[in-house]
Protein backbone atom coordinates (compact mmCIF):
# COMPACT_ATOMS: atom_id res chain seq x y z
CA UNK A 1 130.58 155.29 -32.84
CA UNK A 2 130.66 156.05 -36.43
CA UNK A 3 129.38 159.51 -37.54
CA UNK A 4 127.07 159.89 -40.34
CA UNK A 5 129.87 162.55 -42.38
CA UNK A 6 132.04 159.47 -41.39
CA UNK A 7 129.65 156.71 -43.10
CA UNK A 8 128.91 158.28 -46.17
CA UNK A 9 132.52 159.06 -46.85
CA UNK A 10 133.39 155.27 -46.18
CA UNK A 11 129.58 154.67 -48.51
CA UNK A 12 129.58 156.96 -50.86
CA UNK A 13 127.38 160.22 -52.14
CA UNK A 14 124.73 159.85 -50.68
CA UNK A 15 121.29 159.09 -52.73
CA UNK A 16 119.79 162.88 -52.94
CA UNK A 17 115.94 162.76 -53.97
CA UNK A 18 114.92 164.18 -57.46
CA UNK A 19 112.85 166.87 -57.52
CA UNK A 20 110.23 167.33 -60.21
CA UNK A 21 110.23 170.33 -62.75
CA UNK A 22 106.58 171.38 -61.33
CA UNK A 23 108.25 171.67 -57.29
CA UNK A 24 111.11 173.45 -58.81
CA UNK A 25 108.46 175.85 -60.58
CA UNK A 26 106.37 176.53 -57.35
CA UNK A 27 109.38 176.79 -55.23
CA UNK A 28 111.34 179.77 -57.58
CA UNK A 29 107.31 181.02 -58.08
CA UNK A 30 106.93 181.72 -54.14
CA UNK A 31 110.90 182.54 -53.89
CA UNK A 32 110.45 185.49 -56.68
CA UNK A 33 106.79 186.80 -57.06
CA UNK A 34 104.66 188.16 -54.28
CA UNK A 35 100.85 186.83 -54.02
CA UNK A 36 99.33 183.77 -52.83
CA UNK A 37 99.66 180.34 -54.17
CA UNK A 38 96.38 178.29 -54.46
CA UNK A 39 96.95 174.18 -55.25
CA UNK A 40 94.37 173.37 -57.45
CA UNK A 41 95.16 169.93 -57.65
CA UNK A 42 97.78 168.16 -60.07
CA UNK A 43 100.23 170.01 -61.48
CA UNK A 44 97.35 173.20 -61.13
CA UNK A 45 98.65 176.33 -59.39
CA UNK A 46 96.39 179.23 -58.67
CA UNK A 47 98.59 182.78 -57.96
CA UNK A 48 96.45 185.94 -57.36
CA UNK A 49 100.01 188.36 -57.70
CA UNK A 50 100.17 191.81 -55.87
CA UNK A 51 101.77 193.44 -58.60
CA UNK A 52 102.31 193.30 -62.73
CA UNK A 53 105.86 192.82 -61.72
CA UNK A 54 105.37 189.70 -60.29
CA UNK A 55 103.27 188.56 -63.47
CA UNK A 56 106.08 189.24 -65.51
CA UNK A 57 108.10 186.99 -62.74
CA UNK A 58 105.66 184.61 -63.18
CA UNK A 59 105.53 183.97 -67.08
CA UNK A 60 109.18 183.90 -67.05
CA UNK A 61 109.32 180.67 -64.81
CA UNK A 62 106.20 179.41 -66.45
CA UNK A 63 108.79 179.75 -70.18
CA UNK A 64 111.57 178.44 -68.51
CA UNK A 65 110.41 175.28 -66.64
CA UNK A 66 107.77 174.75 -69.81
CA UNK A 67 104.51 175.78 -67.23
CA UNK A 68 101.44 177.20 -69.14
CA UNK A 69 99.81 180.54 -68.06
CA UNK A 70 96.43 181.07 -67.92
CA UNK A 71 94.12 183.78 -66.88
CA UNK A 72 92.29 182.73 -63.54
CA UNK A 73 88.35 183.45 -63.63
CA UNK A 74 87.06 183.50 -68.02
CA UNK A 75 83.07 182.46 -67.54
CA UNK A 76 82.10 179.48 -69.78
CA UNK A 77 85.89 178.17 -70.55
CA UNK A 78 86.98 174.44 -70.27
CA UNK A 79 89.98 173.77 -69.67
CA UNK A 80 92.65 171.10 -69.64
CA UNK A 81 93.52 170.09 -66.37
CA UNK A 82 96.36 167.67 -67.83
CA UNK A 83 99.45 170.18 -68.51
CA UNK A 84 100.87 171.84 -65.75
CA UNK A 85 99.53 175.33 -65.75
CA UNK A 86 99.50 178.36 -63.86
CA UNK A 87 96.55 180.43 -63.28
CA UNK A 88 97.05 184.26 -62.97
CA UNK A 89 93.95 185.71 -60.55
CA UNK A 90 94.21 189.10 -61.60
CA UNK A 91 91.96 190.25 -58.68
CA UNK A 92 94.70 192.39 -56.82
CA UNK A 93 95.54 194.52 -60.21
CA UNK A 94 92.69 196.85 -59.83
CA UNK A 95 93.37 200.34 -61.23
CA UNK A 96 91.04 202.80 -62.96
CA UNK A 97 91.00 205.90 -63.82
CA UNK A 98 89.10 208.03 -66.25
CA UNK A 99 92.03 209.11 -68.49
CA UNK A 100 89.90 211.89 -70.39
CA UNK A 101 86.50 212.91 -69.38
CA UNK A 102 85.79 214.64 -72.86
CA UNK A 103 85.44 211.63 -74.62
CA UNK A 104 84.71 209.07 -71.87
CA UNK A 105 88.54 206.89 -72.41
CA UNK A 106 89.08 204.72 -68.89
CA UNK A 107 92.23 203.32 -68.00
CA UNK A 108 91.30 199.90 -66.54
CA UNK A 109 93.54 197.32 -65.04
CA UNK A 110 92.45 193.44 -64.99
CA UNK A 111 91.23 192.37 -61.35
CA UNK A 112 88.77 195.77 -61.71
CA UNK A 113 84.93 194.34 -60.93
CA UNK A 114 82.68 195.17 -63.45
CA UNK A 115 80.17 196.78 -60.56
CA UNK A 116 82.63 199.19 -59.57
CA UNK A 117 83.14 199.78 -63.11
CA UNK A 118 79.30 200.60 -63.22
CA UNK A 119 78.62 202.17 -61.19
CA UNK A 120 82.23 204.91 -61.72
CA UNK A 121 80.57 205.54 -65.64
CA UNK A 122 80.99 202.80 -67.75
CA UNK A 123 77.35 202.12 -67.66
CA UNK A 124 77.85 199.41 -70.38
CA UNK A 125 79.28 197.25 -68.00
CA UNK A 126 75.78 197.49 -65.98
CA UNK A 127 74.74 194.21 -68.03
CA UNK A 128 77.19 191.85 -66.98
CA UNK A 129 77.25 189.88 -63.42
CA UNK A 130 79.44 192.51 -61.00
CA UNK A 131 81.52 189.78 -59.62
CA UNK A 132 83.05 189.64 -62.91
CA UNK A 133 86.81 190.52 -64.14
CA UNK A 134 87.12 193.02 -66.61
CA UNK A 135 89.40 190.61 -67.81
CA UNK A 136 86.52 188.30 -67.86
CA UNK A 137 84.42 190.29 -69.67
CA UNK A 138 86.36 190.68 -72.31
CA UNK A 139 88.45 187.79 -72.66
CA UNK A 140 85.00 185.60 -72.59
CA UNK A 141 83.52 184.77 -75.72
CA UNK A 142 80.10 184.91 -74.43
CA UNK A 143 80.45 188.50 -73.84
CA UNK A 144 81.97 189.24 -76.91
CA UNK A 145 79.63 187.97 -79.35
CA UNK A 146 79.37 191.29 -81.47
CA UNK A 147 78.33 190.39 -84.74
CA UNK A 148 81.35 190.34 -87.64
CA UNK A 149 82.37 193.57 -88.02
CA UNK A 150 81.00 195.56 -85.02
CA UNK A 151 83.93 194.76 -82.30
CA UNK A 152 83.78 198.88 -81.96
CA UNK A 153 80.83 198.05 -79.95
CA UNK A 154 83.24 196.53 -77.40
CA UNK A 155 84.68 199.73 -76.34
CA UNK A 156 88.09 198.60 -76.08
CA UNK A 157 90.47 201.00 -77.58
CA UNK A 158 94.10 200.04 -76.83
CA UNK A 159 95.62 197.19 -74.60
CA UNK A 160 98.75 195.95 -72.98
CA UNK A 161 99.59 192.56 -73.79
CA UNK A 162 102.24 190.30 -72.41
CA UNK A 163 103.67 187.91 -75.22
CA UNK A 164 104.83 184.87 -74.99
CA UNK A 165 108.26 185.92 -75.58
CA UNK A 166 107.96 188.57 -72.03
CA UNK A 167 107.56 191.48 -74.59
CA UNK A 168 105.22 194.06 -74.12
CA UNK A 169 102.62 194.69 -77.14
CA UNK A 170 100.90 197.60 -77.85
CA UNK A 171 98.14 197.12 -79.70
CA UNK A 172 94.72 199.71 -80.70
CA UNK A 173 93.45 201.21 -83.05
CA UNK A 174 96.12 200.92 -86.82
CA UNK A 175 95.22 202.25 -90.40
CA UNK A 176 95.62 205.56 -92.60
CA UNK A 177 94.97 207.72 -89.70
CA UNK A 178 96.53 206.20 -87.34
CA UNK A 179 100.88 206.51 -87.66
CA UNK A 180 101.66 204.90 -84.63
CA UNK A 181 104.73 202.66 -85.20
CA UNK A 182 103.96 199.07 -83.77
CA UNK A 183 106.38 199.09 -81.05
CA UNK A 184 107.75 195.30 -81.13
CA UNK A 185 109.37 193.20 -83.42
CA UNK A 186 106.99 190.18 -82.28
CA UNK A 187 104.14 192.89 -83.30
CA UNK A 188 105.33 193.84 -86.45
CA UNK A 189 105.76 190.37 -87.87
CA UNK A 190 102.82 189.01 -87.07
CA UNK A 191 100.11 192.17 -88.03
CA UNK A 192 101.17 191.03 -92.08
CA UNK A 193 100.89 187.35 -90.90
CA UNK A 194 97.33 188.24 -89.58
CA UNK A 195 95.92 190.71 -92.78
CA UNK A 196 97.27 187.48 -95.15
CA UNK A 197 95.23 185.46 -93.07
CA UNK A 198 92.47 187.19 -93.00
CA UNK A 199 92.50 187.32 -97.14
CA UNK A 200 92.35 183.56 -97.31
CA UNK A 201 90.08 181.23 -98.05
CA UNK A 202 88.89 180.10 -95.12
CA UNK A 203 89.11 183.88 -94.12
CA UNK A 204 86.70 184.98 -95.85
CA UNK A 205 84.17 182.15 -95.52
CA UNK A 206 84.17 183.13 -92.02
CA UNK A 207 83.56 186.80 -92.30
CA UNK A 208 81.03 185.76 -94.69
CA UNK A 209 79.22 185.18 -91.92
CA UNK A 210 77.18 188.06 -89.78
CA UNK A 211 78.25 185.86 -86.32
CA UNK A 212 81.83 185.28 -85.90
CA UNK A 213 82.48 181.85 -85.19
CA UNK A 214 86.40 181.43 -85.40
CA UNK A 215 87.67 181.90 -81.45
CA UNK A 216 89.61 183.95 -82.27
CA UNK A 217 88.33 187.93 -83.80
CA UNK A 218 90.07 187.94 -87.06
CA UNK A 219 87.31 190.14 -88.22
CA UNK A 220 88.64 192.75 -86.14
CA UNK A 221 90.83 193.16 -89.17
CA UNK A 222 87.27 194.74 -91.22
CA UNK A 223 85.08 196.49 -89.23
CA UNK A 224 81.59 196.63 -90.92
CA UNK A 225 81.83 200.41 -90.32
CA UNK A 226 83.33 203.04 -92.80
CA UNK A 227 84.38 205.57 -90.04
CA UNK A 228 85.69 202.51 -87.54
CA UNK A 229 89.06 201.97 -87.72
CA UNK A 230 90.74 198.83 -87.61
CA UNK A 231 91.93 198.19 -84.12
CA UNK A 232 94.29 195.24 -82.97
CA UNK A 233 93.09 195.06 -79.14
CA UNK A 234 90.04 193.77 -80.32
CA UNK A 235 91.82 190.87 -81.43
CA UNK A 236 92.16 190.02 -77.53
CA UNK A 237 88.11 189.96 -77.67
CA UNK A 238 86.91 186.45 -76.48
CA UNK A 239 90.06 185.27 -76.34
CA UNK A 240 90.19 182.97 -73.28
CA UNK A 241 93.08 184.06 -72.37
CA UNK A 242 94.87 182.24 -74.70
CA UNK A 243 96.95 184.62 -76.36
CA UNK A 244 98.80 186.37 -73.92
CA UNK A 245 99.07 188.52 -70.70
CA UNK A 246 96.16 191.13 -70.43
CA UNK A 247 98.25 194.02 -68.56
CA UNK A 248 95.51 197.03 -68.73
CA UNK A 249 92.48 198.17 -70.99
CA UNK A 250 90.97 201.57 -71.86
CA UNK A 251 87.39 201.58 -72.50
CA UNK A 252 85.37 204.12 -74.43
CA UNK A 253 82.59 204.65 -72.31
CA UNK A 254 80.90 206.22 -74.58
CA UNK A 255 81.12 203.33 -77.99
CA UNK A 256 80.19 200.42 -74.91
CA UNK A 257 77.15 198.14 -76.06
CA UNK A 258 75.48 195.80 -74.38
CA UNK A 259 73.85 195.02 -77.50
CA UNK A 260 76.37 191.05 -77.70
CA UNK A 261 73.63 188.08 -76.95
CA UNK A 262 74.92 184.39 -77.04
CA UNK A 263 72.97 183.85 -80.58
CA UNK A 264 75.18 180.38 -81.45
CA UNK A 265 72.89 178.28 -80.37
CA UNK A 266 70.08 179.18 -81.64
CA UNK A 267 72.11 180.57 -85.27
CA UNK A 268 73.35 176.95 -86.07
CA UNK A 269 75.76 178.25 -88.81
CA UNK A 270 78.79 175.99 -87.75
CA UNK A 271 76.79 172.77 -89.72
CA UNK A 272 78.89 172.63 -92.79
CA UNK A 273 81.86 171.09 -92.31
CA UNK A 274 84.01 173.30 -94.32
CA UNK A 275 83.41 176.18 -92.37
CA UNK A 276 83.71 174.51 -89.56
CA UNK A 277 87.18 172.81 -91.07
CA UNK A 278 88.00 176.98 -91.90
CA UNK A 279 87.14 178.22 -87.94
CA UNK A 280 89.81 175.74 -86.80
CA UNK A 281 92.33 176.98 -89.43
CA UNK A 282 91.92 180.37 -88.57
CA UNK A 283 92.03 179.45 -84.62
CA UNK A 284 95.57 177.32 -85.24
CA UNK A 285 96.91 180.01 -87.49
CA UNK A 286 95.94 183.04 -84.79
CA UNK A 287 97.00 180.73 -82.02
CA UNK A 288 100.11 180.32 -83.64
CA UNK A 289 101.31 184.13 -84.59
CA UNK A 290 100.68 185.12 -80.93
CA UNK A 291 102.11 182.16 -79.24
CA UNK A 292 104.15 180.45 -81.20
CA UNK A 293 106.36 178.57 -78.09
CA UNK A 294 102.89 177.42 -76.55
CA UNK A 295 103.26 179.65 -73.54
CA UNK A 296 99.77 180.48 -72.88
CA UNK A 297 96.90 178.74 -72.61
CA UNK A 298 95.09 175.90 -75.05
CA UNK A 299 91.63 176.29 -75.95
CA UNK A 300 89.60 172.96 -75.46
CA UNK A 301 88.60 171.17 -78.02
CA UNK A 302 84.43 171.99 -77.32
CA UNK A 303 83.27 175.62 -76.60
CA UNK A 304 80.00 174.99 -74.72
CA UNK A 305 79.48 172.17 -77.06
CA UNK A 306 80.21 174.04 -80.50
CA UNK A 307 83.38 171.52 -82.34
CA UNK A 308 85.49 174.55 -83.59
């Protein structure tokens, strides 16, 4: 009897079943990153990393295999489940500590729960569900619906953001009183573009409204109160996780406010077609500045019934 290897030699190389790009991605993620992986259906996977390094491994693999990366658990976010997506759950990245008791600054990782933070001293978070993570709160559009030019009420002082090219941008106060240089080439390239967008006709149209209607808070570059410097970290408020991965944030317990109220359904401000177009254009341009390679999740066309 001929052996299997003998028959293979006589008949030629046996057909090798092709492995899909998605299957390759899942296999390599299991090899290179520690943490729980849970299949959501189709080409959708939920990943709970053990360490920040696991997130960087995941982002590299997402870029390599053209898989989008998003933040799991952001409330009120409509997602497109037709594209290969890795949803990253930050719940294990949950360290926090007070940095400077005299000025109320806290270092917070994205998986920290609002209930725990509120009990520890960040009282302004008590108005929100205790089971939310700080990432869910910071990236949710409802909880960040501050009036135009009042993003300082979020209490966000600083943020670390993993960009689509794998670099880590340090986002914080920016202006005459803050001389810290922009720390990455991507950041130095995109900040002038964001200011140009703010000064554009569509930017000015949205800035004239009492409530900020576009998805990404470009109004962070023009605070209403003169004693508040503009803060690049505020660009992340309500962004849904579309602009990058939030590694950590510094919050000021003294500034954190519960003022935000979701008023869009009552205000009806975007009924004018020109304003809808302006908001949509701003969203596209800001997204392009932060994520030109499209490695992070894209916003759905509708968000809670608002066509933006």
